N, C-alpha and C. Protein backbone atom coordinates (compact mmCIF):
# COMPACT_ATOMS: atom_id res chain seq x y z
N UNK A 1 16.42 -66.17 6.94
CA UNK A 1 15.86 -64.99 7.57
C UNK A 1 16.31 -64.70 9.01
N UNK A 2 16.12 -65.86 9.69
CA UNK A 2 16.55 -65.81 11.09
C UNK A 2 18.06 -65.39 11.19
N UNK A 3 18.92 -66.02 10.25
CA UNK A 3 20.37 -65.75 10.29
C UNK A 3 20.71 -64.31 10.04
N UNK A 4 19.83 -63.48 9.23
CA UNK A 4 20.12 -62.18 8.89
C UNK A 4 19.75 -61.42 10.19
N UNK A 5 18.63 -61.68 10.91
CA UNK A 5 18.18 -60.90 12.09
C UNK A 5 19.40 -61.12 13.20
N UNK A 6 19.85 -62.19 13.16
CA UNK A 6 21.00 -62.45 14.27
C UNK A 6 22.03 -61.71 13.98
N UNK A 7 22.40 -61.70 12.52
CA UNK A 7 23.69 -61.01 12.24
C UNK A 7 23.48 -59.46 12.39
N UNK A 8 22.26 -58.78 12.01
CA UNK A 8 21.92 -57.50 12.07
C UNK A 8 21.83 -57.10 13.66
N UNK A 9 21.55 -58.02 14.60
CA UNK A 9 21.45 -57.73 15.93
C UNK A 9 23.07 -57.59 16.57
N UNK A 10 23.98 -58.37 15.86
CA UNK A 10 25.23 -58.53 16.36
C UNK A 10 25.96 -57.46 15.91
N UNK A 11 25.79 -56.71 14.70
CA UNK A 11 26.62 -55.54 14.33
C UNK A 11 26.35 -54.38 15.22
N UNK A 12 27.37 -53.75 15.69
CA UNK A 12 27.33 -52.57 16.45
C UNK A 12 27.60 -51.32 15.74
N UNK A 13 26.86 -50.11 15.81
CA UNK A 13 27.31 -48.89 15.30
C UNK A 13 28.00 -48.14 16.34
N UNK A 14 29.05 -47.45 15.88
CA UNK A 14 29.92 -46.79 16.79
C UNK A 14 28.95 -45.46 17.26
N UNK A 15 29.19 -45.04 18.44
CA UNK A 15 28.39 -43.77 18.73
C UNK A 15 28.78 -42.52 17.85
N UNK A 16 30.00 -42.49 17.41
CA UNK A 16 30.43 -41.25 16.49
C UNK A 16 29.74 -41.37 15.23
N UNK A 17 29.68 -42.56 14.60
CA UNK A 17 28.95 -42.69 13.23
C UNK A 17 27.48 -42.37 13.48
N UNK A 18 26.88 -42.70 14.54
CA UNK A 18 25.43 -42.39 14.81
C UNK A 18 25.32 -41.05 15.02
N UNK A 19 26.23 -40.27 15.73
CA UNK A 19 26.04 -38.81 15.90
C UNK A 19 26.31 -38.20 14.56
N UNK A 20 27.26 -38.71 13.73
CA UNK A 20 27.50 -38.02 12.49
C UNK A 20 26.30 -38.21 11.63
N UNK A 21 25.56 -39.25 11.55
CA UNK A 21 24.55 -39.32 10.79
C UNK A 21 23.39 -38.55 11.00
N UNK A 22 23.25 -38.11 12.31
CA UNK A 22 22.26 -37.11 12.80
C UNK A 22 22.59 -35.75 12.59
N UNK A 23 23.89 -35.42 12.57
CA UNK A 23 24.25 -34.05 12.58
C UNK A 23 24.40 -33.48 11.06
N UNK A 24 24.85 -34.40 10.28
CA UNK A 24 25.16 -33.91 8.81
C UNK A 24 23.96 -33.29 8.09
N UNK A 25 22.72 -34.15 8.23
CA UNK A 25 21.64 -33.50 7.50
C UNK A 25 21.25 -32.14 7.98
N UNK A 26 21.28 -32.10 9.35
CA UNK A 26 20.75 -30.84 10.03
C UNK A 26 21.86 -29.56 9.39
N UNK A 27 23.11 -29.93 9.40
CA UNK A 27 24.19 -28.85 8.98
C UNK A 27 23.75 -28.61 7.60
N UNK A 28 23.52 -29.55 6.74
CA UNK A 28 23.21 -29.22 5.27
C UNK A 28 21.89 -28.42 5.31
N UNK A 29 20.98 -28.77 6.07
CA UNK A 29 19.64 -27.92 6.02
C UNK A 29 20.00 -26.53 6.57
N UNK A 30 20.76 -26.28 7.47
CA UNK A 30 21.07 -24.99 7.98
C UNK A 30 21.79 -24.16 6.99
N UNK A 31 22.77 -24.67 6.29
CA UNK A 31 23.42 -24.04 5.16
C UNK A 31 22.51 -23.56 3.98
N UNK A 32 21.53 -24.62 3.76
CA UNK A 32 20.62 -24.24 2.74
C UNK A 32 19.75 -23.16 3.05
N UNK A 33 19.33 -23.07 4.36
CA UNK A 33 18.38 -21.93 4.87
C UNK A 33 18.95 -20.70 4.73
N UNK A 34 20.46 -20.69 5.23
CA UNK A 34 21.19 -19.44 5.19
C UNK A 34 21.23 -18.84 3.69
N UNK A 35 21.64 -19.65 2.74
CA UNK A 35 21.91 -19.20 1.31
C UNK A 35 20.61 -18.87 0.64
N UNK A 36 19.44 -19.47 1.03
CA UNK A 36 18.19 -19.35 0.17
C UNK A 36 17.19 -18.36 0.94
N UNK A 37 17.41 -18.12 2.27
CA UNK A 37 16.48 -17.23 3.03
C UNK A 37 17.09 -16.09 3.66
N UNK A 38 18.18 -16.43 4.59
CA UNK A 38 18.72 -15.29 5.49
C UNK A 38 19.74 -14.35 4.45
N UNK A 39 20.44 -14.80 3.65
CA UNK A 39 21.46 -13.98 3.06
C UNK A 39 20.64 -13.03 2.15
N UNK A 40 19.70 -13.50 1.26
CA UNK A 40 18.87 -12.56 0.47
C UNK A 40 18.14 -11.44 1.22
N UNK A 41 17.76 -11.88 2.28
CA UNK A 41 16.96 -10.93 3.22
C UNK A 41 17.71 -9.80 3.70
N UNK A 42 18.92 -10.16 4.13
CA UNK A 42 19.90 -9.25 4.61
C UNK A 42 20.34 -8.31 3.59
N UNK A 43 20.52 -8.89 2.25
CA UNK A 43 20.95 -7.93 1.12
C UNK A 43 19.90 -6.94 0.91
N UNK A 44 18.51 -7.46 0.88
CA UNK A 44 17.47 -6.56 0.54
C UNK A 44 17.30 -5.37 1.83
N UNK A 45 17.56 -5.81 2.92
CA UNK A 45 17.61 -4.71 4.01
C UNK A 45 18.69 -3.73 3.78
N UNK A 46 19.92 -4.20 3.28
CA UNK A 46 20.90 -3.23 3.21
C UNK A 46 20.52 -2.30 1.95
N UNK A 47 20.08 -2.82 0.94
CA UNK A 47 19.50 -2.00 -0.31
C UNK A 47 18.32 -1.06 0.20
N UNK A 48 17.52 -1.38 0.95
CA UNK A 48 16.38 -0.52 1.39
C UNK A 48 17.00 0.54 2.23
N UNK A 49 17.94 0.29 3.14
CA UNK A 49 18.54 1.30 4.03
C UNK A 49 19.26 2.21 3.25
N UNK A 50 20.09 1.75 2.31
CA UNK A 50 20.82 2.77 1.50
C UNK A 50 19.96 3.74 0.65
N UNK A 51 18.74 3.19 0.23
CA UNK A 51 17.82 3.91 -0.72
C UNK A 51 17.16 5.02 0.29
N UNK A 52 16.86 4.67 1.62
CA UNK A 52 16.32 5.69 2.41
C UNK A 52 17.14 6.61 2.97
N UNK A 53 18.49 6.24 3.06
CA UNK A 53 19.54 7.13 3.59
C UNK A 53 19.84 8.23 2.61
N UNK A 54 19.65 7.95 1.14
CA UNK A 54 19.95 8.80 -0.02
C UNK A 54 18.72 9.66 -0.19
N UNK A 55 17.64 9.44 0.44
CA UNK A 55 16.37 10.43 0.29
C UNK A 55 16.73 11.89 0.39
N UNK A 56 16.27 12.52 -0.43
CA UNK A 56 16.40 14.13 -0.30
C UNK A 56 15.26 14.83 -0.87
N UNK A 57 15.06 16.04 -0.25
CA UNK A 57 13.90 16.77 -0.53
C UNK A 57 13.73 17.09 -2.04
N UNK A 58 12.63 16.83 -2.54
CA UNK A 58 12.19 16.87 -4.04
C UNK A 58 12.30 15.74 -4.77
N UNK A 59 12.71 14.55 -3.93
CA UNK A 59 12.56 13.20 -4.78
C UNK A 59 11.24 12.67 -5.03
N UNK A 60 10.89 12.02 -5.89
CA UNK A 60 9.65 11.36 -6.15
C UNK A 60 9.77 10.15 -5.52
N UNK A 61 8.48 9.74 -4.87
CA UNK A 61 8.66 8.38 -4.08
C UNK A 61 7.23 7.60 -4.28
N UNK A 62 7.40 6.30 -4.26
CA UNK A 62 6.21 5.48 -4.35
C UNK A 62 6.18 4.82 -2.95
N UNK A 63 4.94 5.05 -2.21
CA UNK A 63 4.66 4.41 -0.94
C UNK A 63 4.20 2.93 -1.09
N UNK A 64 4.30 2.30 0.11
CA UNK A 64 3.95 0.89 0.15
C UNK A 64 2.56 0.67 -0.29
N UNK A 65 1.64 1.83 0.00
CA UNK A 65 0.19 1.67 -0.42
C UNK A 65 0.01 2.04 -1.80
N UNK A 66 1.02 2.47 -2.46
CA UNK A 66 0.86 2.62 -3.98
C UNK A 66 0.61 4.01 -4.50
N UNK A 67 0.84 4.98 -3.59
CA UNK A 67 0.59 6.41 -3.90
C UNK A 67 2.00 6.92 -4.34
N UNK A 68 1.95 7.81 -5.40
CA UNK A 68 3.20 8.64 -5.84
C UNK A 68 3.12 9.93 -5.28
N UNK A 69 4.22 10.48 -4.77
CA UNK A 69 4.29 11.82 -4.19
C UNK A 69 5.64 12.25 -4.26
N UNK A 70 5.81 13.66 -3.80
CA UNK A 70 7.16 14.22 -3.77
C UNK A 70 7.38 14.52 -2.29
N UNK A 71 8.69 14.41 -2.06
CA UNK A 71 9.14 14.69 -0.71
C UNK A 71 9.28 16.17 -0.37
N UNK A 72 8.62 16.71 0.70
CA UNK A 72 8.71 18.02 1.00
C UNK A 72 9.77 18.38 2.15
N UNK A 73 9.56 17.42 3.08
CA UNK A 73 10.61 17.80 4.25
C UNK A 73 11.13 16.25 4.83
N UNK A 74 12.29 16.31 5.39
CA UNK A 74 12.66 15.14 5.95
C UNK A 74 13.07 15.36 7.46
N UNK A 75 12.58 14.41 8.24
CA UNK A 75 13.08 14.51 9.67
C UNK A 75 13.89 13.19 9.95
N UNK A 76 14.10 12.80 11.09
CA UNK A 76 14.77 11.57 11.67
C UNK A 76 14.39 10.38 10.91
N UNK A 77 13.13 10.01 11.26
CA UNK A 77 12.52 8.94 10.68
C UNK A 77 11.15 9.10 10.00
N UNK A 78 10.85 10.57 9.79
CA UNK A 78 9.48 10.85 9.31
C UNK A 78 9.83 11.74 8.03
N UNK A 79 9.03 11.53 6.98
CA UNK A 79 9.17 12.46 5.89
C UNK A 79 7.73 13.01 5.51
N UNK A 80 7.62 14.15 5.07
CA UNK A 80 6.38 14.77 4.70
C UNK A 80 6.31 14.81 3.14
N UNK A 81 5.27 14.02 2.70
CA UNK A 81 5.21 13.84 1.09
C UNK A 81 3.87 14.57 0.93
N UNK A 82 4.08 15.15 -0.39
CA UNK A 82 3.06 15.85 -1.03
C UNK A 82 2.41 15.03 -2.17
N UNK A 83 0.99 14.76 -2.11
CA UNK A 83 0.38 13.97 -2.99
C UNK A 83 -0.46 14.95 -4.01
N UNK A 84 -0.56 14.59 -5.42
CA UNK A 84 -1.61 15.07 -6.26
C UNK A 84 -1.05 16.27 -7.08
N UNK A 85 -1.79 16.80 -7.74
CA UNK A 85 -1.28 18.03 -8.67
C UNK A 85 -1.79 19.18 -7.99
N UNK A 86 -2.68 19.35 -6.88
CA UNK A 86 -3.20 20.62 -6.37
C UNK A 86 -2.29 21.03 -5.20
N UNK A 87 -1.31 20.27 -4.83
CA UNK A 87 -0.39 20.67 -3.75
C UNK A 87 -0.96 20.78 -2.48
N UNK A 88 -2.14 20.45 -2.17
CA UNK A 88 -2.80 20.66 -0.91
C UNK A 88 -2.75 19.40 0.03
N UNK A 89 -2.43 18.19 -0.53
CA UNK A 89 -2.33 17.07 0.27
C UNK A 89 -1.00 16.78 0.60
N UNK A 90 -0.54 17.16 1.90
CA UNK A 90 0.75 16.93 2.53
C UNK A 90 0.51 15.92 3.63
N UNK A 91 1.21 14.79 3.69
CA UNK A 91 0.93 13.79 4.75
C UNK A 91 2.49 13.52 5.18
N UNK A 92 2.49 13.52 6.60
CA UNK A 92 3.67 13.02 7.21
C UNK A 92 3.74 11.57 7.35
N UNK A 93 4.79 10.86 6.98
CA UNK A 93 4.88 9.33 7.02
C UNK A 93 6.30 8.75 7.50
N UNK A 94 6.29 7.54 7.93
CA UNK A 94 7.59 7.00 8.45
C UNK A 94 8.32 6.87 7.00
N UNK A 95 9.68 6.67 7.13
CA UNK A 95 10.58 6.47 6.12
C UNK A 95 10.31 4.97 5.59
N UNK A 96 10.01 4.16 6.58
CA UNK A 96 9.80 2.78 6.28
C UNK A 96 8.61 2.59 5.41
N UNK A 97 7.74 3.50 5.15
CA UNK A 97 6.45 3.41 4.44
C UNK A 97 6.89 3.55 2.88
N UNK A 98 8.22 4.01 2.44
CA UNK A 98 8.52 4.36 1.16
C UNK A 98 9.08 3.00 0.51
N UNK A 99 8.54 2.79 -0.74
CA UNK A 99 8.90 1.48 -1.28
C UNK A 99 9.87 1.83 -2.46
N UNK A 100 10.00 2.93 -3.09
CA UNK A 100 10.73 3.06 -4.19
C UNK A 100 11.00 4.69 -4.34
N UNK A 101 12.30 5.10 -4.68
CA UNK A 101 12.61 6.55 -4.77
C UNK A 101 13.12 6.80 -6.18
N UNK A 102 12.57 7.79 -6.75
CA UNK A 102 13.29 8.27 -8.11
C UNK A 102 13.89 9.83 -7.77
N UNK A 103 14.97 9.78 -8.01
CA UNK A 103 15.80 11.06 -7.78
C UNK A 103 15.35 12.14 -8.60
N UNK A 104 15.19 13.34 -8.20
CA UNK A 104 14.78 14.64 -8.74
C UNK A 104 15.96 15.09 -9.71
N UNK A 105 15.64 15.58 -10.95
CA UNK A 105 16.77 16.05 -11.84
C UNK A 105 17.08 17.39 -11.55
């Protein structure tokens, strides 16, 4: 038992090997986070930006709050959406509040 402790105390680990054993797990963790979290999020942001840029007057939209409506007017970052069958409810909202777009035929 004592012989093992003495041998363990006498062996030296090079500083490069020690640094390598600390850096490699963090690098693997960073790559894991990139492919599991960051890359899918960027892909979703690009898809949403493409959807909102193709928005046109007359398209049917679903808002983040769950309301369906038709686009009446489009400004820079604001759209006016008409809700309901009676055509009286027109609400201006940000483009970012639109979750889904169905093109008018």
